[in-house]
Amino acid sequence: MLDGLDRAAARARRDHGAAAAPIRLTYTASTAYDALPRILDRLADGPSPDVVTSRAWSVQALEDVRSGATDIALVREFLGEPGLVTEVI
C-alpha cells in the first residue's frame, strides 16, 4: 500500500520548492481509518518533513490540489483527470 508514498512525498517536496517545507496533506473521512494513520506513521519514521493535515470532502480536497493549497489529497474512487497525478495506495 505504501510503495508509492516515498515518491509522492518527494514530489510534494520538489513541487513545494523546499526540502524542509511541511507536506500539506488533505484527506477525506473515509481515508482516515486506514490509509492516513499508515501514511503518517511511515512519514514519522523517516527523514520526511513535518506533515500538516486537513480534512475535506473529496471535491474540495481535489480543488485544494489544483489550487496549490495542499500537496497531496487522499480520496476514494478517483479516476484521475488531466493535470493531476494519481497513485492507488
Protein backbone atom coordinates (compact mmCIF):
# COMPACT_ATOMS: atom_id res chain seq x y z
CA MET A 1 0.00 0.00 0.00
CA LEU A 2 2.78 2.45 0.81
CA ASP A 3 5.17 1.72 -2.04
CA GLY A 4 4.36 5.00 -3.76
CA LEU A 5 4.37 7.11 -0.60
CA ASP A 6 8.06 8.00 -0.73
CA ARG A 7 7.70 9.07 -4.38
CA ALA A 8 4.63 11.16 -3.55
CA ALA A 9 6.38 12.82 -0.60
CA ALA A 10 9.45 13.58 -2.72
CA ARG A 11 7.26 15.00 -5.48
CA ALA A 12 5.40 17.18 -2.96
CA ARG A 13 8.69 18.50 -1.55
CA ARG A 14 10.02 19.19 -5.04
CA ASP A 15 6.81 20.87 -6.20
CA HIS A 16 6.60 22.90 -3.00
CA GLY A 17 10.12 24.17 -3.62
CA ALA A 18 11.99 23.31 -0.40
CA ALA A 19 13.11 20.10 1.25
CA ALA A 20 12.33 21.42 4.72
CA ALA A 21 8.82 22.68 3.92
CA PRO A 22 5.98 20.75 5.54
CA ILE A 23 3.93 18.42 3.37
CA ARG A 24 0.32 19.63 3.23
CA LEU A 25 -1.95 16.58 3.13
CA THR A 26 -5.73 16.79 2.78
CA TYR A 27 -7.75 13.66 3.48
CA THR A 28 -11.37 12.56 3.38
CA ALA A 29 -13.08 10.99 6.39
CA SER A 30 -13.15 7.58 4.70
CA THR A 31 -9.35 7.54 4.29
CA ALA A 32 -8.77 8.49 7.94
CA TYR A 33 -9.42 4.98 9.25
CA ASP A 34 -6.75 3.00 7.42
CA ALA A 35 -4.63 4.87 4.89
CA LEU A 36 -3.99 8.10 6.80
CA PRO A 37 -2.60 6.50 10.00
CA ARG A 38 -0.31 4.26 7.95
CA ILE A 39 0.98 7.17 5.93
CA LEU A 40 1.57 9.36 8.99
CA ASP A 41 3.38 6.52 10.77
CA ARG A 42 5.57 5.93 7.72
CA LEU A 43 6.45 9.60 7.41
CA ALA A 44 7.23 9.85 11.13
CA ASP A 45 9.76 7.01 10.80
CA GLY A 46 11.79 8.69 8.07
CA PRO A 47 13.62 11.92 7.37
CA SER A 48 10.47 13.48 5.93
CA PRO A 49 9.48 17.00 6.90
CA ASP A 50 6.52 17.80 9.09
CA VAL A 51 3.05 16.98 7.77
CA VAL A 52 0.18 19.43 8.07
CA THR A 53 -3.18 17.70 7.70
CA SER A 54 -6.69 18.91 6.99
CA ARG A 55 -9.95 17.09 6.35
CA ALA A 56 -12.27 17.90 3.47
CA TRP A 57 -14.83 16.39 1.13
CA SER A 58 -13.32 14.79 -1.98
CA VAL A 59 -14.34 17.64 -4.29
CA GLN A 60 -12.70 20.22 -2.00
CA ALA A 61 -9.58 18.09 -1.46
CA LEU A 62 -9.05 17.83 -5.22
CA GLU A 63 -9.68 21.55 -5.70
CA ASP A 64 -7.08 22.24 -2.99
CA VAL A 65 -4.51 20.24 -5.00
CA ARG A 66 -5.41 22.11 -8.20
CA SER A 67 -5.10 25.50 -6.48
CA GLY A 68 -1.87 24.63 -4.67
CA ALA A 69 -3.44 24.88 -1.22
CA THR A 70 -2.41 21.29 -0.49
CA ASP A 71 0.28 18.97 -1.82
CA ILE A 72 -1.43 15.58 -1.54
CA ALA A 73 -5.10 14.61 -1.34
CA LEU A 74 -6.26 11.22 -0.07
CA VAL A 75 -9.62 10.48 -1.66
CA ARG A 76 -11.55 7.36 -2.57
CA GLU A 77 -12.53 6.20 -6.05
CA PHE A 78 -10.89 8.99 -8.02
CA LEU A 79 -10.30 8.01 -11.64
CA GLY A 80 -7.98 10.90 -12.40
CA GLU A 81 -8.11 13.93 -14.64
CA PRO A 82 -5.70 15.96 -16.75
CA GLY A 83 -3.18 17.87 -14.67
CA LEU A 84 -3.36 15.63 -11.59
CA VAL A 85 -1.03 12.74 -10.85
CA THR A 86 -2.80 9.81 -9.22
CA GLU A 87 -1.47 6.76 -7.39
CA VAL A 88 -3.57 4.00 -5.88
CA ILE A 89 -2.46 3.13 -2.37
